[in-house]
C-alpha atoms as a PDB file:
ATOM      1  CA  MET A   1      17.135 -28.646  62.039  1.00  0.00           C
ATOM      2  CA  ALA A   2      14.128 -31.373  61.260  1.00  0.00           C
ATOM      3  CA  ALA A   3      12.354 -31.831  58.433  1.00  0.00           C
ATOM      4  CA  ARG A   4      10.164 -28.829  56.983  1.00  0.00           C
ATOM      5  CA  TYR A   5       7.168 -30.664  58.091  1.00  0.00           C
ATOM      6  CA  ALA A   6       4.320 -29.757  55.401  1.00  0.00           C
ATOM      7  CA  TYR A   7       0.975 -30.718  56.501  1.00  0.00           C
ATOM      8  CA  ARG A   8       0.579 -34.681  56.618  1.00  0.00           C
ATOM      9  CA  LYS A   9      -1.848 -36.504  59.041  1.00  0.00           C
ATOM     10  CA  TYR A  10       1.065 -38.883  60.130  1.00  0.00           C
ATOM     11  CA  ASP A  11       3.252 -35.122  60.534  1.00  0.00           C
ATOM     12  CA  PHE A  12       1.031 -34.047  63.751  1.00  0.00           C
ATOM     13  CA  ILE A  13       0.089 -36.938  64.988  1.00  0.00           C
ATOM     14  CA  LYS A  14       4.335 -37.604  65.760  1.00  0.00           C
ATOM     15  CA  VAL A  15       4.336 -33.046  66.269  1.00  0.00           C
ATOM     16  CA  PHE A  16       1.246 -34.131  68.831  1.00  0.00           C
ATOM     17  CA  ASN A  17       3.222 -36.484  70.721  1.00  0.00           C
ATOM     18  CA  ASP A  18       6.124 -35.758  70.634  1.00  0.00           C
ATOM     19  CA  ASN A  19       4.883 -33.385  72.423  1.00  0.00           C
ATOM     20  CA  TYR A  20       1.770 -33.617  74.101  1.00  0.00           C
ATOM     21  CA  ASP A  21       3.418 -34.061  77.110  1.00  0.00           C
ATOM     22  CA  MET A  22       5.488 -30.654  77.762  1.00  0.00           C
ATOM     23  CA  VAL A  23       2.456 -28.679  76.509  1.00  0.00           C
ATOM     24  CA  PHE A  24       0.610 -29.828  79.384  1.00  0.00           C
ATOM     25  CA  ASN A  25       2.767 -29.096  82.171  1.00  0.00           C
ATOM     26  CA  VAL A  26       4.005 -26.181  81.142  1.00  0.00           C
ATOM     27  CA  CYS A  27      -0.432 -24.799  80.575  1.00  0.00           C
ATOM     28  CA  LEU A  28      -0.220 -26.736  84.161  1.00  0.00           C
ATOM     29  CA  ARG A  29       1.971 -24.543  85.331  1.00  0.00           C
ATOM     30  CA  ILE A  30       0.737 -21.262  84.748  1.00  0.00           C
ATOM     31  CA  CYS A  31      -2.468 -22.260  85.270  1.00  0.00           C
ATOM     32  CA  CYS A  32      -2.416 -23.664  87.755  1.00  0.00           C
ATOM     33  CA  ASN A  33      -5.104 -26.335  86.522  1.00  0.00           C
ATOM     34  CA  TYR A  34      -5.008 -29.845  85.816  1.00  0.00           C
ATOM     35  CA  HIS A  35      -8.603 -29.323  84.039  1.00  0.00           C
ATOM     36  CA  THR A  36      -7.939 -25.653  81.937  1.00  0.00           C
ATOM     37  CA  ALA A  37      -4.395 -26.618  81.432  1.00  0.00           C
ATOM     38  CA  GLN A  38      -6.219 -30.159  79.895  1.00  0.00           C
ATOM     39  CA  ASP A  39      -8.563 -27.186  78.072  1.00  0.00           C
ATOM     40  CA  ILE A  40      -5.416 -24.798  76.998  1.00  0.00           C
ATOM     41  CA  SER A  41      -3.697 -27.538  75.799  1.00  0.00           C
ATOM     42  CA  GLN A  42      -6.500 -29.127  73.070  1.00  0.00           C
ATOM     43  CA  ASP A  43      -6.774 -25.685  72.019  1.00  0.00           C
ATOM     44  CA  VAL A  44      -2.670 -25.127  72.003  1.00  0.00           C
ATOM     45  CA  PHE A  45      -2.887 -28.986  69.576  1.00  0.00           C
ATOM     46  CA  LEU A  46      -5.834 -27.130  67.503  1.00  0.00           C
ATOM     47  CA  LYS A  47      -4.006 -23.952  66.669  1.00  0.00           C
ATOM     48  CA  VAL A  48      -0.358 -26.441  65.611  1.00  0.00           C
ATOM     49  CA  HIS A  49      -2.723 -28.356  64.024  1.00  0.00           C
ATOM     50  CA  LYS A  50      -4.273 -24.885  61.762  1.00  0.00           C
ATOM     51  CA  ASN A  51      -1.025 -24.118  61.047  1.00  0.00           C
ATOM     52  CA  LEU A  52       1.860 -26.571  61.117  1.00  0.00           C
ATOM     53  CA  SER A  53       1.453 -26.368  56.886  1.00  0.00           C
ATOM     54  CA  GLY A  54       2.997 -22.323  57.754  1.00  0.00           C
ATOM     55  CA  PHE A  55       5.926 -23.364  59.957  1.00  0.00           C
ATOM     56  CA  ASN A  56       8.951 -21.867  58.561  1.00  0.00           C
ATOM     57  CA  GLU A  57      11.604 -23.148  60.989  1.00  0.00           C
ATOM     58  CA  GLU A  58      12.707 -20.295  62.843  1.00  0.00           C
ATOM     59  CA  SER A  59      13.325 -22.215  65.286  1.00  0.00           C
ATOM     60  CA  GLY A  60      12.352 -26.042  66.025  1.00  0.00           C
ATOM     61  CA  ILE A  61       9.108 -27.250  66.296  1.00  0.00           C
ATOM     62  CA  SER A  62       9.232 -27.407  70.362  1.00  0.00           C
ATOM     63  CA  THR A  63      10.143 -23.654  70.324  1.00  0.00           C
ATOM     64  CA  TRP A  64       6.579 -22.426  68.102  1.00  0.00           C
ATOM     65  CA  ILE A  65       5.004 -24.800  69.957  1.00  0.00           C
ATOM     66  CA  TYR A  66       5.814 -23.176  73.239  1.00  0.00           C
ATOM     67  CA  ARG A  67       5.961 -20.076  71.690  1.00  0.00           C
ATOM     68  CA  ILE A  68       1.816 -21.256  70.574  1.00  0.00           C
ATOM     69  CA  ALA A  69       1.142 -23.452  74.666  1.00  0.00           C
ATOM     70  CA  VAL A  70       2.822 -20.183  76.888  1.00  0.00           C
ATOM     71  CA  ASN A  71       0.962 -17.110  75.121  1.00  0.00           C
ATOM     72  CA  THR A  72      -2.477 -18.853  74.879  1.00  0.00           C
ATOM     73  CA  CYS A  73      -1.881 -19.676  78.642  1.00  0.00           C
ATOM     74  CA  ILE A  74      -1.200 -15.871  79.325  1.00  0.00           C
ATOM     75  CA  ASP A  75      -4.406 -14.617  77.319  1.00  0.00           C
ATOM     76  CA  HIS A  76      -6.300 -18.068  79.364  1.00  0.00           C
ATOM     77  CA  VAL A  77      -5.015 -16.211  82.511  1.00  0.00           C
ATOM     78  CA  ARG A  78      -5.537 -13.001  82.390  1.00  0.00           C
ATOM     79  CA  ARG A  79      -8.289 -13.187  81.350  1.00  0.00           C
ATOM     80  CA  GLU A  80      -9.473 -15.351  83.722  1.00  0.00           C
ATOM     81  CA  LYS A  81      -7.958 -12.815  86.255  1.00  0.00           C
ATOM     82  CA  LYS A  82     -10.513 -10.315  85.160  1.00  0.00           C
ATOM     83  CA  TRP A  83     -13.427 -12.920  85.221  1.00  0.00           C
ATOM     84  CA  TYR A  84     -12.646 -14.092  88.155  1.00  0.00           C
ATOM     85  CA  THR A  85     -11.429  -9.688  90.123  1.00  0.00           C
ATOM     86  CA  GLN A  86     -15.482  -9.325  88.170  1.00  0.00           C
ATOM     87  CA  ILE A  87     -17.382 -12.537  90.296  1.00  0.00           C
ATOM     88  CA  ARG A  88     -15.210 -12.285  93.610  1.00  0.00           C
ATOM     89  CA  ASN A  89     -17.029  -9.195  94.091  1.00  0.00           C
ATOM     90  CA  LEU A  90     -20.199 -10.255  92.981  1.00  0.00           C
ATOM     91  CA  PHE A  91     -19.647 -12.593  96.427  1.00  0.00           C
ATOM     92  CA  LEU A  92     -18.346 -10.229  98.767  1.00  0.00           C
ATOM     93  CA  GLU A  93     -20.801  -7.669  98.074  1.00  0.00           C
ATOM     94  CA  ARG A  94     -22.929 -10.719  99.067  1.00  0.00           C
ATOM     95  CA  ASN A  95     -20.822 -11.585 101.992  1.00  0.00           C
ATOM     96  CA  GLU A  96     -20.449 -15.909 100.355  1.00  0.00           C
ATOM     97  CA  PRO A  97     -17.506 -17.178 100.150  1.00  0.00           C
ATOM     98  CA  SER A  98     -16.031 -17.041  96.961  1.00  0.00           C
ATOM     99  CA  GLY A  99     -12.895 -19.877  96.728  1.00  0.00           C
ATOM    100  CA  ARG A 100     -14.133 -23.588  94.743  1.00  0.00           C
ATOM    101  CA  PHE A 101     -12.952 -26.395  97.109  1.00  0.00           C
ATOM    102  CA  GLU A 102     -11.420 -28.273  94.819  1.00  0.00           C
ATOM    103  CA  ASN A 103      -9.730 -25.678  93.749  1.00  0.00           C
ATOM    104  CA  GLU A 104      -7.990 -24.610  96.936  1.00  0.00           C
ATOM    105  CA  VAL A 105      -6.582 -28.968  97.173  1.00  0.00           C
ATOM    106  CA  PHE A 106      -4.940 -28.307  94.769  1.00  0.00           C
ATOM    107  CA  LEU A 107      -3.259 -25.370  95.719  1.00  0.00           C
ATOM    108  CA  LYS A 108      -2.201 -26.991  98.666  1.00  0.00           C
ATOM    109  CA  ASP A 109       0.952 -27.035  96.953  1.00  0.00           C
ATOM    110  CA  ALA A 110       3.138 -24.360  98.025  1.00  0.00           C
ATOM    111  CA  GLY A 111       4.965 -24.127  94.693  1.00  0.00           C
ATOM    112  CA  MET A 112       1.723 -23.874  92.548  1.00  0.00           C
ATOM    113  CA  LYS A 113       0.015 -21.552  95.344  1.00  0.00           C
ATOM    114  CA  ILE A 114       3.120 -18.762  94.708  1.00  0.00           C
ATOM    115  CA  LEU A 115       2.528 -19.801  90.621  1.00  0.00           C
ATOM    116  CA  LYS A 116      -0.984 -18.918  91.229  1.00  0.00           C
ATOM    117  CA  GLU A 117      -0.748 -15.375  92.600  1.00  0.00           C
ATOM    118  CA  MET A 118       2.699 -14.268  90.120  1.00  0.00           C
ATOM    119  CA  GLU A 119       2.089 -12.756  86.856  1.00  0.00           C
ATOM    120  CA  PRO A 120       1.364 -14.346  83.838  1.00  0.00           C
ATOM    121  CA  ASN A 121       4.558 -13.246  81.672  1.00  0.00           C
ATOM    122  CA  TYR A 122       6.457 -13.765  85.571  1.00  0.00           C
ATOM    123  CA  ARG A 123       5.322 -17.505  85.825  1.00  0.00           C
ATOM    124  CA  ALA A 124       6.020 -18.287  82.328  1.00  0.00           C
ATOM    125  CA  ILE A 125       9.123 -17.430  82.212  1.00  0.00           C
ATOM    126  CA  LEU A 126       9.980 -19.191  85.927  1.00  0.00           C
ATOM    127  CA  THR A 127       7.723 -22.251  83.888  1.00  0.00           C
ATOM    128  CA  LEU A 128       9.984 -22.513  80.903  1.00  0.00           C
ATOM    129  CA  LYS A 129      13.286 -20.584  82.921  1.00  0.00           C
ATOM    130  CA  HIS A 130      13.133 -23.605  86.438  1.00  0.00           C
ATOM    131  CA  TYR A 131      10.950 -26.419  85.177  1.00  0.00           C
ATOM    132  CA  ALA A 132      11.009 -27.120  81.135  1.00  0.00           C
ATOM    133  CA  GLY A 133      15.547 -26.409  81.595  1.00  0.00           C
ATOM    134  CA  PHE A 134      15.091 -23.803  78.445  1.00  0.00           C
ATOM    135  CA  ASP A 135      18.012 -21.827  78.847  1.00  0.00           C
ATOM    136  CA  TYR A 136      18.125 -17.005  77.644  1.00  0.00           C
ATOM    137  CA  ARG A 137      18.240 -17.345  74.486  1.00  0.00           C
ATOM    138  CA  GLU A 138      15.189 -20.898  74.120  1.00  0.00           C
ATOM    139  CA  ILE A 139      12.712 -18.229  76.392  1.00  0.00           C
ATOM    140  CA  ALA A 140      14.124 -15.088  74.003  1.00  0.00           C
ATOM    141  CA  GLN A 141      12.617 -16.961  71.321  1.00  0.00           C
ATOM    142  CA  ILE A 142       9.488 -18.427  73.472  1.00  0.00           C
ATOM    143  CA  MET A 143       8.660 -15.152  75.026  1.00  0.00           C
ATOM    144  CA  ASN A 144       9.537 -13.328  70.973  1.00  0.00           C
ATOM    145  CA  THR A 145      11.777 -10.988  73.097  1.00  0.00           C
ATOM    146  CA  THR A 146      15.910 -10.858  74.534  1.00  0.00           C
ATOM    147  CA  GLU A 147      17.299 -12.805  75.938  1.00  0.00           C
ATOM    148  CA  ALA A 148      18.362  -8.907  77.697  1.00  0.00           C
ATOM    149  CA  THR A 149      15.029  -8.703  78.846  1.00  0.00           C
ATOM    150  CA  ILE A 150      14.366 -12.070  79.647  1.00  0.00           C
ATOM    151  CA  GLY A 151      17.953 -12.080  82.312  1.00  0.00           C
ATOM    152  CA  VAL A 152      15.347  -8.970  83.782  1.00  0.00           C
ATOM    153  CA  GLN A 153      12.522 -10.273  83.470  1.00  0.00           C
ATOM    154  CA  LEU A 154      13.629 -13.563  85.344  1.00  0.00           C
ATOM    155  CA  HIS A 155      15.127 -12.027  87.951  1.00  0.00           C
ATOM    156  CA  ARG A 156      11.859  -9.786  88.667  1.00  0.00           C
ATOM    157  CA  ALA A 157       9.922 -12.996  88.598  1.00  0.00           C
ATOM    158  CA  ARG A 158      12.010 -14.876  90.762  1.00  0.00           C
ATOM    159  CA  LYS A 159      12.014 -12.009  93.619  1.00  0.00           C
ATOM    160  CA  GLN A 160       8.163 -11.794  92.922  1.00  0.00           C
ATOM    161  CA  ALA A 161       8.042 -15.238  93.782  1.00  0.00           C
ATOM    162  CA  LYS A 162       9.899 -14.480  97.305  1.00  0.00           C
ATOM    163  CA  ASP A 163       7.628 -11.972  98.391  1.00  0.00           C
ATOM    164  CA  ILE A 164       4.496 -13.938  97.407  1.00  0.00           C
ATOM    165  CA  ALA A 165       6.298 -16.790  99.338  1.00  0.00           C
ATOM    166  CA  VAL A 166       7.418 -14.125 102.794  1.00  0.00           C
ATOM    167  CA  ARG A 167       4.193 -12.913 102.560  1.00  0.00           C
ATOM    168  CA  GLY A 168       1.966 -16.500 102.348  1.00  0.00           C
ATOM    169  CA  GLY A 169       4.152 -17.615 105.082  1.00  0.00           C
ATOM    170  CA  ILE A 170       6.343 -20.482 103.002  1.00  0.00           C
ATOM    171  CA  GLU A 171       9.552 -21.464 102.700  1.00  0.00           C
ATOM    172  CA  LEU A 172      11.547 -21.526  99.938  1.00  0.00           C
END
């Protein structure tokens, strides 16, 4: 296990440098927006900085940071979905377009299009398993649940992804 990270300026810089790319990529795949992923990555490292002295080594530092990143992303997606639904309804009442051009361009990638439509928890689990390459035990630690639950949720996430692909005419 890595040495305990007592707060010192150089410790945070090392933690940041060692984990930023991983955090940004997880945020990008869960949030499906480049600029949002940058903002959330910044929020994640503010939380890491604030709580680094309390890191207790029950898991590895990267697992702890993944947990913070995934939870921050899921919270953001839930808030965004609620906000987006409200805005969309306002536009529909006025018969105006609700999509933004840059989001449509970004979502042309089939995988991102599928992820964007998935439930936030399923999106996170698929990202951790297939993009980050974590095993069930590591995902369970990050998501704060059991390995059995991860197995069931991963099965449901894959099914949801396939259903979205079929509905959208996307070949997997």
